[in-house]
């Protein structure tokens, strides 16, 4: 069940600004990995699942986790921002 809450306009603006900064951070993380691997997260995860990870080099595995987390957090923030309405 969705509920509507009322908050002060100033608080809403501050919250929105904070969320936009967080979104920018996560989007930058995503761009960094897209550039580094020259592929999408999906393709990198497929590569890991198909070829595995070198036991001596876990960087690709760690990067995929960070990239997945950034992707999921960005999606959550976008969903929250979509719920903001101006009055």
N, C-alpha and C. Protein backbone atom coordinates (compact mmCIF):
# COMPACT_ATOMS: atom_id res chain seq x y z
N UNK A 1 0.84 -1.18 0.00
CA UNK A 1 0.00 0.00 0.00
C UNK A 1 0.89 1.25 0.00
N UNK A 2 0.62 2.15 -0.90
CA UNK A 2 1.41 3.36 -1.00
C UNK A 2 0.80 4.44 -0.13
N UNK A 3 1.67 5.16 0.57
CA UNK A 3 1.24 6.24 1.43
C UNK A 3 1.87 7.53 0.97
N UNK A 4 1.14 8.60 1.07
CA UNK A 4 1.67 9.92 0.77
C UNK A 4 1.99 10.61 2.08
N UNK A 5 3.18 11.21 2.12
CA UNK A 5 3.56 11.96 3.31
C UNK A 5 3.76 13.42 2.93
N UNK A 6 3.64 14.27 3.91
CA UNK A 6 3.84 15.69 3.69
C UNK A 6 5.06 16.12 4.48
N UNK A 7 5.98 16.77 3.78
CA UNK A 7 7.16 17.32 4.45
C UNK A 7 7.35 18.76 3.98
N UNK A 8 8.09 19.51 4.75
CA UNK A 8 8.35 20.90 4.39
C UNK A 8 9.03 20.96 3.03
N UNK A 9 8.69 21.99 2.28
CA UNK A 9 9.26 22.18 0.95
C UNK A 9 10.79 22.23 1.02
N UNK A 10 11.33 22.92 2.00
CA UNK A 10 12.79 23.04 2.14
C UNK A 10 13.42 21.67 2.39
N UNK A 11 12.78 20.87 3.21
CA UNK A 11 13.28 19.52 3.49
C UNK A 11 13.24 18.67 2.23
N UNK A 12 12.17 18.78 1.49
CA UNK A 12 12.04 18.01 0.24
C UNK A 12 13.14 18.40 -0.74
N UNK A 13 13.41 19.70 -0.84
CA UNK A 13 14.47 20.16 -1.75
C UNK A 13 15.83 19.64 -1.32
N UNK A 14 16.11 19.67 -0.03
CA UNK A 14 17.38 19.16 0.49
C UNK A 14 17.51 17.66 0.25
N UNK A 15 16.43 16.94 0.48
CA UNK A 15 16.44 15.49 0.26
C UNK A 15 16.66 15.17 -1.22
N UNK A 16 15.96 15.89 -2.07
CA UNK A 16 16.10 15.68 -3.52
C UNK A 16 17.53 15.98 -3.96
N UNK A 17 18.10 17.07 -3.46
CA UNK A 17 19.47 17.44 -3.80
C UNK A 17 20.44 16.35 -3.36
N UNK A 18 20.25 15.85 -2.15
CA UNK A 18 21.10 14.77 -1.64
C UNK A 18 20.98 13.52 -2.52
N UNK A 19 19.77 13.16 -2.87
CA UNK A 19 19.56 11.98 -3.71
C UNK A 19 20.20 12.15 -5.08
N UNK A 20 20.11 13.35 -5.64
CA UNK A 20 20.73 13.61 -6.95
C UNK A 20 22.25 13.48 -6.87
N UNK A 21 22.84 13.93 -5.77
CA UNK A 21 24.29 13.77 -5.59
C UNK A 21 24.67 12.30 -5.48
N UNK A 22 23.88 11.55 -4.72
CA UNK A 22 24.13 10.12 -4.59
C UNK A 22 23.98 9.42 -5.94
N UNK A 23 22.95 9.80 -6.69
CA UNK A 23 22.74 9.22 -8.01
C UNK A 23 23.93 9.52 -8.92
N UNK A 24 24.42 10.74 -8.90
CA UNK A 24 25.57 11.12 -9.73
C UNK A 24 26.78 10.27 -9.36
N UNK A 25 26.99 10.02 -8.08
CA UNK A 25 28.11 9.19 -7.63
C UNK A 25 28.00 7.78 -8.22
N UNK A 26 26.83 7.16 -8.07
CA UNK A 26 26.66 5.79 -8.55
C UNK A 26 26.73 5.71 -10.07
N UNK A 27 26.21 6.72 -10.76
CA UNK A 27 26.29 6.75 -12.22
C UNK A 27 27.75 6.86 -12.67
N UNK A 28 28.56 7.61 -11.93
CA UNK A 28 29.98 7.74 -12.25
C UNK A 28 30.71 6.41 -12.04
N UNK A 29 30.36 5.69 -10.99
CA UNK A 29 30.94 4.36 -10.76
C UNK A 29 30.62 3.46 -11.96
N UNK A 30 29.38 3.49 -12.41
CA UNK A 30 28.98 2.68 -13.55
C UNK A 30 29.76 3.06 -14.80
N UNK A 31 29.90 4.36 -15.06
CA UNK A 31 30.65 4.83 -16.24
C UNK A 31 32.11 4.40 -16.18
N UNK A 32 32.69 4.46 -14.98
CA UNK A 32 34.10 4.06 -14.82
C UNK A 32 34.30 2.60 -15.21
N UNK A 33 33.40 1.73 -14.78
CA UNK A 33 33.54 0.32 -15.11
C UNK A 33 33.20 0.04 -16.58
N UNK A 34 32.24 0.76 -17.14
CA UNK A 34 31.93 0.60 -18.56
C UNK A 34 33.15 0.96 -19.40
N UNK A 35 33.83 2.00 -19.00
CA UNK A 35 35.04 2.42 -19.71
C UNK A 35 36.16 1.41 -19.50
N UNK A 36 36.36 0.97 -18.27
CA UNK A 36 37.44 0.04 -17.94
C UNK A 36 37.30 -1.28 -18.69
N UNK A 37 36.09 -1.82 -18.72
CA UNK A 37 35.86 -3.13 -19.32
C UNK A 37 35.32 -3.06 -20.75
N UNK A 38 35.01 -1.87 -21.20
CA UNK A 38 34.48 -1.67 -22.56
C UNK A 38 33.33 -2.63 -22.86
N UNK A 39 32.46 -2.75 -21.88
CA UNK A 39 31.29 -3.62 -22.03
C UNK A 39 30.25 -3.24 -20.99
N UNK A 40 29.16 -3.95 -21.04
CA UNK A 40 28.11 -3.74 -20.05
C UNK A 40 28.35 -4.64 -18.84
N UNK A 41 27.69 -4.35 -17.77
CA UNK A 41 27.77 -5.19 -16.58
C UNK A 41 27.29 -6.61 -16.91
N UNK A 42 26.22 -6.70 -17.66
CA UNK A 42 25.67 -8.00 -18.04
C UNK A 42 26.71 -8.84 -18.77
N UNK A 43 27.41 -8.24 -19.71
CA UNK A 43 28.43 -8.98 -20.47
C UNK A 43 29.60 -9.39 -19.58
N UNK A 44 29.99 -8.52 -18.65
CA UNK A 44 31.07 -8.86 -17.74
C UNK A 44 30.66 -10.03 -16.84
N UNK A 45 29.44 -9.99 -16.33
CA UNK A 45 28.96 -11.09 -15.48
C UNK A 45 28.87 -12.39 -16.27
N UNK A 46 28.48 -12.31 -17.54
CA UNK A 46 28.46 -13.51 -18.40
C UNK A 46 29.87 -14.07 -18.56
N UNK A 47 30.82 -13.16 -18.77
CA UNK A 47 32.22 -13.58 -18.93
C UNK A 47 32.73 -14.28 -17.67
N UNK A 48 32.39 -13.72 -16.52
CA UNK A 48 32.80 -14.33 -15.25
C UNK A 48 32.16 -15.71 -15.10
N UNK A 49 30.89 -15.81 -15.42
CA UNK A 49 30.18 -17.09 -15.29
C UNK A 49 30.70 -18.13 -16.28
N UNK A 50 31.10 -17.69 -17.46
CA UNK A 50 31.57 -18.60 -18.49
C UNK A 50 33.02 -19.01 -18.29
N UNK A 51 33.88 -18.01 -18.07
CA UNK A 51 35.32 -18.26 -17.99
C UNK A 51 35.86 -18.41 -16.58
N UNK A 52 35.07 -17.98 -15.61
CA UNK A 52 35.53 -18.04 -14.23
C UNK A 52 36.44 -16.87 -13.90
N UNK A 53 37.02 -16.92 -12.71
CA UNK A 53 37.90 -15.86 -12.22
C UNK A 53 39.23 -16.49 -11.83
N UNK A 54 40.30 -15.87 -12.27
CA UNK A 54 41.64 -16.32 -11.91
C UNK A 54 41.79 -16.24 -10.39
N UNK A 55 42.16 -17.34 -9.74
CA UNK A 55 42.27 -17.32 -8.27
C UNK A 55 43.30 -16.32 -7.74
N UNK A 56 44.26 -15.96 -8.58
CA UNK A 56 45.28 -15.00 -8.16
C UNK A 56 44.88 -13.55 -8.43
N UNK A 57 43.85 -13.37 -9.22
CA UNK A 57 43.41 -12.01 -9.57
C UNK A 57 41.90 -11.91 -9.39
N UNK A 58 41.50 -11.31 -8.30
CA UNK A 58 40.08 -11.19 -7.99
C UNK A 58 39.51 -9.84 -8.38
N UNK A 59 40.32 -9.00 -8.99
CA UNK A 59 39.88 -7.64 -9.31
C UNK A 59 38.59 -7.63 -10.14
N UNK A 60 38.51 -8.47 -11.15
CA UNK A 60 37.33 -8.49 -12.02
C UNK A 60 36.08 -8.87 -11.21
N UNK A 61 36.23 -9.81 -10.29
CA UNK A 61 35.12 -10.24 -9.44
C UNK A 61 34.69 -9.11 -8.52
N UNK A 62 35.66 -8.46 -7.88
CA UNK A 62 35.37 -7.35 -6.98
C UNK A 62 34.75 -6.18 -7.73
N UNK A 63 35.27 -5.91 -8.93
CA UNK A 63 34.69 -4.83 -9.74
C UNK A 63 33.25 -5.14 -10.12
N UNK A 64 32.97 -6.40 -10.46
CA UNK A 64 31.60 -6.75 -10.84
C UNK A 64 30.63 -6.56 -9.67
N UNK A 65 31.10 -6.85 -8.46
CA UNK A 65 30.26 -6.65 -7.27
C UNK A 65 30.00 -5.17 -7.05
N UNK A 66 31.04 -4.36 -7.13
CA UNK A 66 30.88 -2.92 -6.96
C UNK A 66 29.98 -2.33 -8.05
N UNK A 67 30.18 -2.79 -9.28
CA UNK A 67 29.37 -2.32 -10.41
C UNK A 67 27.91 -2.70 -10.22
N UNK A 68 27.65 -3.94 -9.80
CA UNK A 68 26.27 -4.40 -9.55
C UNK A 68 25.63 -3.57 -8.44
N UNK A 69 26.37 -3.32 -7.35
CA UNK A 69 25.84 -2.52 -6.25
C UNK A 69 25.51 -1.10 -6.71
N UNK A 70 26.40 -0.49 -7.49
CA UNK A 70 26.16 0.86 -8.00
C UNK A 70 24.93 0.88 -8.89
N UNK A 71 24.78 -0.12 -9.73
CA UNK A 71 23.63 -0.21 -10.63
C UNK A 71 22.32 -0.33 -9.84
N UNK A 72 22.33 -1.16 -8.83
CA UNK A 72 21.12 -1.36 -8.03
C UNK A 72 20.79 -0.12 -7.20
N UNK A 73 21.80 0.51 -6.62
CA UNK A 73 21.56 1.73 -5.84
C UNK A 73 21.04 2.86 -6.73
N UNK A 74 21.60 3.00 -7.92
CA UNK A 74 21.13 4.04 -8.85
C UNK A 74 19.66 3.80 -9.20
N UNK A 75 19.30 2.56 -9.41
CA UNK A 75 17.90 2.23 -9.74
C UNK A 75 16.97 2.56 -8.57
N UNK A 76 17.40 2.27 -7.35
CA UNK A 76 16.59 2.60 -6.17
C UNK A 76 16.40 4.10 -6.04
N UNK A 77 17.47 4.85 -6.24
CA UNK A 77 17.38 6.31 -6.12
C UNK A 77 16.47 6.88 -7.20
N UNK A 78 16.59 6.37 -8.43
CA UNK A 78 15.71 6.83 -9.51
C UNK A 78 14.24 6.57 -9.16
N UNK A 79 13.99 5.44 -8.55
CA UNK A 79 12.62 5.10 -8.15
C UNK A 79 12.12 6.06 -7.08
N UNK A 80 12.97 6.38 -6.13
CA UNK A 80 12.59 7.33 -5.07
C UNK A 80 12.33 8.71 -5.67
N UNK A 81 13.23 9.15 -6.54
CA UNK A 81 13.07 10.47 -7.17
C UNK A 81 11.79 10.55 -8.00
N UNK A 82 11.42 9.44 -8.60
CA UNK A 82 10.18 9.41 -9.41
C UNK A 82 8.95 9.66 -8.54
N UNK A 83 9.08 9.37 -7.24
CA UNK A 83 7.97 9.57 -6.33
C UNK A 83 7.80 11.00 -5.83
N UNK A 84 8.78 11.84 -6.12
CA UNK A 84 8.67 13.24 -5.71
C UNK A 84 7.67 13.96 -6.60
N UNK A 85 6.81 14.73 -5.98
CA UNK A 85 5.88 15.57 -6.75
C UNK A 85 6.04 17.00 -6.29
N UNK A 86 5.98 17.90 -7.22
CA UNK A 86 6.10 19.32 -6.87
C UNK A 86 4.74 19.89 -6.52
N UNK A 87 4.73 20.75 -5.51
CA UNK A 87 3.49 21.42 -5.11
C UNK A 87 3.74 22.89 -4.96
